[in-house]
């Protein structure tokens, strides 16, 4: 939490696989979803139980030590602001 706003950082690791894009430019305003999964003990398969919008992405850091962070406004920031508009 930073002052009055709360944030969620997603870490992107730029390891040897090179599967991540060189930039996430253009994702500002993109949703961050939280999900709750349940695992079937007999089959070992996962099933989606619930999902909810928990953040809105707005910023990417530079790559440093092979990591980049995508920052999102988290739940409190979104809902506090939504009820003030």
N, C-alpha and C. Protein backbone atom coordinates (compact mmCIF):
# COMPACT_ATOMS: atom_id res chain seq x y z
N UNK A 1 0.85 -1.17 0.00
CA UNK A 1 0.00 0.00 0.00
C UNK A 1 0.90 1.23 0.00
N UNK A 2 0.52 2.22 -0.79
CA UNK A 2 1.32 3.43 -0.93
C UNK A 2 0.42 4.63 -0.63
N UNK A 3 0.50 5.19 0.58
CA UNK A 3 -0.35 6.32 0.92
C UNK A 3 -1.81 5.92 0.91
N UNK A 4 -2.61 6.63 0.13
CA UNK A 4 -4.04 6.35 0.06
C UNK A 4 -4.39 5.29 -0.99
N UNK A 5 -3.45 4.98 -1.88
CA UNK A 5 -3.74 4.01 -2.94
C UNK A 5 -3.08 2.67 -2.62
N UNK A 6 -3.73 1.62 -3.03
CA UNK A 6 -3.12 0.29 -2.90
C UNK A 6 -2.82 -0.24 -4.29
N UNK A 7 -1.72 -0.98 -4.39
CA UNK A 7 -1.27 -1.48 -5.67
C UNK A 7 -1.06 -2.99 -5.63
N UNK A 8 -1.09 -3.58 -6.81
CA UNK A 8 -0.78 -4.99 -7.00
C UNK A 8 0.32 -5.04 -8.05
N UNK A 9 1.44 -5.66 -7.75
CA UNK A 9 2.53 -5.81 -8.71
C UNK A 9 2.60 -7.26 -9.17
N UNK A 10 2.59 -7.46 -10.48
CA UNK A 10 2.82 -8.78 -11.06
C UNK A 10 4.25 -8.81 -11.58
N UNK A 11 4.99 -9.84 -11.20
CA UNK A 11 6.39 -9.94 -11.60
C UNK A 11 6.50 -10.79 -12.85
N UNK A 12 7.20 -10.25 -13.84
CA UNK A 12 7.47 -10.98 -15.08
C UNK A 12 8.97 -11.27 -15.11
N UNK A 13 9.35 -12.54 -15.17
CA UNK A 13 10.75 -12.92 -15.16
C UNK A 13 11.21 -13.21 -16.58
N UNK A 14 12.23 -12.48 -17.02
CA UNK A 14 12.78 -12.63 -18.36
C UNK A 14 13.95 -13.62 -18.33
N UNK A 15 13.61 -14.88 -18.20
CA UNK A 15 14.61 -15.93 -18.17
C UNK A 15 15.01 -16.35 -19.57
N UNK A 16 15.67 -17.48 -19.68
CA UNK A 16 16.21 -17.93 -20.97
C UNK A 16 15.16 -18.34 -22.00
N UNK A 17 13.91 -18.57 -21.59
CA UNK A 17 12.90 -19.04 -22.55
C UNK A 17 12.46 -17.97 -23.55
N UNK A 18 12.60 -16.70 -23.20
CA UNK A 18 12.25 -15.56 -24.07
C UNK A 18 10.81 -15.63 -24.58
N UNK A 19 9.89 -16.11 -23.75
CA UNK A 19 8.49 -16.21 -24.14
C UNK A 19 7.70 -14.93 -23.86
N UNK A 20 8.25 -14.03 -23.05
CA UNK A 20 7.54 -12.80 -22.72
C UNK A 20 7.82 -11.73 -23.76
N UNK A 21 6.85 -10.84 -24.00
CA UNK A 21 7.09 -9.76 -24.96
C UNK A 21 8.13 -8.78 -24.42
N UNK A 22 8.79 -8.06 -25.31
CA UNK A 22 9.80 -7.09 -24.89
C UNK A 22 9.18 -5.89 -24.19
N UNK A 23 7.89 -5.67 -24.41
CA UNK A 23 7.17 -4.59 -23.74
C UNK A 23 5.71 -4.97 -23.56
N UNK A 24 5.09 -4.38 -22.56
CA UNK A 24 3.67 -4.56 -22.33
C UNK A 24 2.93 -3.26 -22.64
N UNK A 25 3.54 -2.41 -23.46
CA UNK A 25 2.91 -1.15 -23.85
C UNK A 25 1.54 -1.43 -24.45
N UNK A 26 0.56 -0.62 -24.07
CA UNK A 26 -0.79 -0.78 -24.59
C UNK A 26 -1.72 -1.57 -23.69
N UNK A 27 -1.22 -2.09 -22.57
CA UNK A 27 -2.10 -2.86 -21.69
C UNK A 27 -2.72 -1.99 -20.60
N UNK A 28 -2.36 -0.73 -20.56
CA UNK A 28 -2.92 0.15 -19.54
C UNK A 28 -4.43 0.10 -19.59
N UNK A 29 -5.05 -0.08 -18.44
CA UNK A 29 -6.50 -0.22 -18.37
C UNK A 29 -6.96 -1.66 -18.46
N UNK A 30 -6.00 -2.59 -18.63
CA UNK A 30 -6.35 -4.00 -18.73
C UNK A 30 -6.70 -4.58 -17.38
N UNK A 31 -7.62 -5.53 -17.34
CA UNK A 31 -8.07 -6.11 -16.07
C UNK A 31 -7.08 -7.09 -15.46
N UNK A 32 -7.12 -7.19 -14.14
CA UNK A 32 -6.41 -8.23 -13.40
C UNK A 32 -7.50 -9.03 -12.69
N UNK A 33 -7.54 -10.31 -12.99
CA UNK A 33 -8.59 -11.17 -12.43
C UNK A 33 -8.03 -12.02 -11.31
N UNK A 34 -8.78 -12.16 -10.25
CA UNK A 34 -8.49 -13.09 -9.19
C UNK A 34 -9.38 -14.30 -9.38
N UNK A 35 -8.81 -15.49 -9.18
CA UNK A 35 -9.61 -16.70 -9.38
C UNK A 35 -9.44 -17.63 -8.17
N UNK A 36 -10.49 -18.37 -7.91
CA UNK A 36 -10.45 -19.39 -6.87
C UNK A 36 -10.68 -20.73 -7.55
N UNK A 37 -9.69 -21.62 -7.39
CA UNK A 37 -9.77 -22.94 -8.00
C UNK A 37 -10.00 -23.99 -6.94
N UNK A 38 -10.57 -25.09 -7.36
CA UNK A 38 -10.71 -26.25 -6.49
C UNK A 38 -10.16 -27.45 -7.26
N UNK A 39 -9.44 -28.31 -6.54
CA UNK A 39 -8.86 -29.50 -7.17
C UNK A 39 -9.67 -30.72 -6.78
N UNK A 40 -10.08 -31.47 -7.78
CA UNK A 40 -10.79 -32.73 -7.57
C UNK A 40 -9.77 -33.75 -7.08
N UNK A 41 -9.96 -34.27 -5.90
CA UNK A 41 -9.00 -35.21 -5.30
C UNK A 41 -8.87 -36.52 -6.09
N UNK A 42 -9.92 -36.94 -6.76
CA UNK A 42 -9.87 -38.22 -7.49
C UNK A 42 -9.22 -38.07 -8.85
N UNK A 43 -9.59 -37.01 -9.59
CA UNK A 43 -9.06 -36.85 -10.95
C UNK A 43 -7.80 -35.99 -11.00
N UNK A 44 -7.60 -35.15 -9.98
CA UNK A 44 -6.45 -34.25 -9.98
C UNK A 44 -6.66 -33.02 -10.84
N UNK A 45 -7.84 -32.89 -11.43
CA UNK A 45 -8.12 -31.74 -12.30
C UNK A 45 -8.62 -30.56 -11.47
N UNK A 46 -8.32 -29.36 -11.98
CA UNK A 46 -8.77 -28.14 -11.34
C UNK A 46 -10.05 -27.64 -11.99
N UNK A 47 -10.87 -26.98 -11.17
CA UNK A 47 -12.12 -26.41 -11.66
C UNK A 47 -12.24 -24.99 -11.10
N UNK A 48 -12.69 -24.08 -11.95
CA UNK A 48 -12.88 -22.70 -11.53
C UNK A 48 -14.09 -22.61 -10.62
N UNK A 49 -13.89 -22.05 -9.43
CA UNK A 49 -14.96 -21.90 -8.47
C UNK A 49 -15.56 -20.50 -8.53
N UNK A 50 -14.68 -19.48 -8.51
CA UNK A 50 -15.11 -18.09 -8.55
C UNK A 50 -14.08 -17.26 -9.27
N UNK A 51 -14.51 -16.11 -9.79
CA UNK A 51 -13.58 -15.13 -10.36
C UNK A 51 -14.11 -13.74 -10.04
N UNK A 52 -13.17 -12.80 -9.96
CA UNK A 52 -13.56 -11.42 -9.67
C UNK A 52 -12.50 -10.47 -10.21
N UNK A 53 -12.94 -9.33 -10.67
CA UNK A 53 -12.03 -8.27 -11.08
C UNK A 53 -11.38 -7.71 -9.82
N UNK A 54 -10.04 -7.75 -9.75
CA UNK A 54 -9.37 -7.27 -8.54
C UNK A 54 -8.40 -6.13 -8.80
N UNK A 55 -8.17 -5.80 -10.07
CA UNK A 55 -7.23 -4.73 -10.35
C UNK A 55 -7.32 -4.24 -11.78
N UNK A 56 -6.71 -3.06 -12.01
CA UNK A 56 -6.61 -2.48 -13.34
C UNK A 56 -5.16 -2.09 -13.57
N UNK A 57 -4.51 -2.68 -14.57
CA UNK A 57 -3.11 -2.43 -14.86
C UNK A 57 -2.93 -1.02 -15.43
N UNK A 58 -1.85 -0.34 -14.97
CA UNK A 58 -1.63 1.01 -15.48
C UNK A 58 -0.17 1.35 -15.73
N UNK A 59 0.79 0.47 -15.39
CA UNK A 59 2.20 0.86 -15.47
C UNK A 59 3.08 -0.37 -15.59
N UNK A 60 4.19 -0.23 -16.35
CA UNK A 60 5.21 -1.28 -16.38
C UNK A 60 6.55 -0.66 -16.01
N UNK A 61 7.37 -1.41 -15.27
CA UNK A 61 8.71 -0.93 -14.93
C UNK A 61 9.67 -1.33 -16.05
N UNK A 62 10.86 -0.78 -15.99
CA UNK A 62 11.93 -1.23 -16.88
C UNK A 62 12.37 -2.62 -16.43
N UNK A 63 12.98 -3.38 -17.33
CA UNK A 63 13.53 -4.68 -16.96
C UNK A 63 14.81 -4.43 -16.17
N UNK A 64 14.88 -5.01 -14.97
CA UNK A 64 16.04 -4.87 -14.10
C UNK A 64 16.28 -6.22 -13.44
N UNK A 65 17.50 -6.72 -13.54
CA UNK A 65 17.85 -8.05 -13.01
C UNK A 65 16.91 -9.12 -13.58
N UNK A 66 16.60 -9.00 -14.85
CA UNK A 66 15.76 -9.95 -15.59
C UNK A 66 14.31 -9.95 -15.13
N UNK A 67 13.86 -8.91 -14.42
CA UNK A 67 12.48 -8.82 -13.97
C UNK A 67 11.85 -7.51 -14.40
N UNK A 68 10.59 -7.57 -14.70
CA UNK A 68 9.77 -6.39 -14.96
C UNK A 68 8.52 -6.54 -14.11
N UNK A 69 8.00 -5.44 -13.61
CA UNK A 69 6.77 -5.48 -12.82
C UNK A 69 5.68 -4.73 -13.57
N UNK A 70 4.50 -5.33 -13.54
CA UNK A 70 3.30 -4.67 -14.07
C UNK A 70 2.50 -4.23 -12.86
N UNK A 71 2.26 -2.94 -12.73
CA UNK A 71 1.57 -2.41 -11.56
C UNK A 71 0.10 -2.17 -11.90
N UNK A 72 -0.74 -2.52 -10.96
CA UNK A 72 -2.19 -2.34 -11.12
C UNK A 72 -2.76 -1.66 -9.88
N UNK A 73 -3.78 -0.83 -10.10
CA UNK A 73 -4.55 -0.34 -8.96
C UNK A 73 -5.29 -1.56 -8.43
N UNK A 74 -5.29 -1.73 -7.10
CA UNK A 74 -5.89 -2.90 -6.48
C UNK A 74 -7.31 -2.58 -6.02
N UNK A 75 -7.95 -3.49 -5.38
CA UNK A 75 -9.38 -3.42 -5.04
C UNK A 75 -9.79 -2.13 -4.36
N UNK A 76 -9.10 -1.76 -3.30
CA UNK A 76 -9.54 -0.59 -2.54
C UNK A 76 -9.52 0.67 -3.39
N UNK A 77 -8.46 0.86 -4.15
CA UNK A 77 -8.36 2.05 -5.00
C UNK A 77 -9.52 2.11 -6.00
N UNK A 78 -9.84 0.99 -6.59
CA UNK A 78 -10.89 0.95 -7.62
C UNK A 78 -12.26 1.23 -7.01
N UNK A 79 -12.62 0.52 -5.95
CA UNK A 79 -13.96 0.66 -5.40
C UNK A 79 -14.16 1.96 -4.62
N UNK A 80 -13.12 2.44 -3.93
CA UNK A 80 -13.23 3.74 -3.27
C UNK A 80 -13.50 4.83 -4.29
N UNK A 81 -12.74 4.81 -5.39
CA UNK A 81 -12.93 5.81 -6.42
C UNK A 81 -14.28 5.66 -7.11
N UNK A 82 -14.69 4.44 -7.36
CA UNK A 82 -15.95 4.21 -8.07
C UNK A 82 -17.14 4.82 -7.34
N UNK A 83 -17.15 4.76 -6.02
CA UNK A 83 -18.28 5.29 -5.26
C UNK A 83 -18.20 6.80 -5.06
N UNK A 84 -17.07 7.42 -5.40
CA UNK A 84 -16.94 8.87 -5.28
C UNK A 84 -17.34 9.59 -6.55
N UNK A 85 -17.46 8.87 -7.64
CA UNK A 85 -17.78 9.49 -8.94
C UNK A 85 -19.28 9.72 -9.06
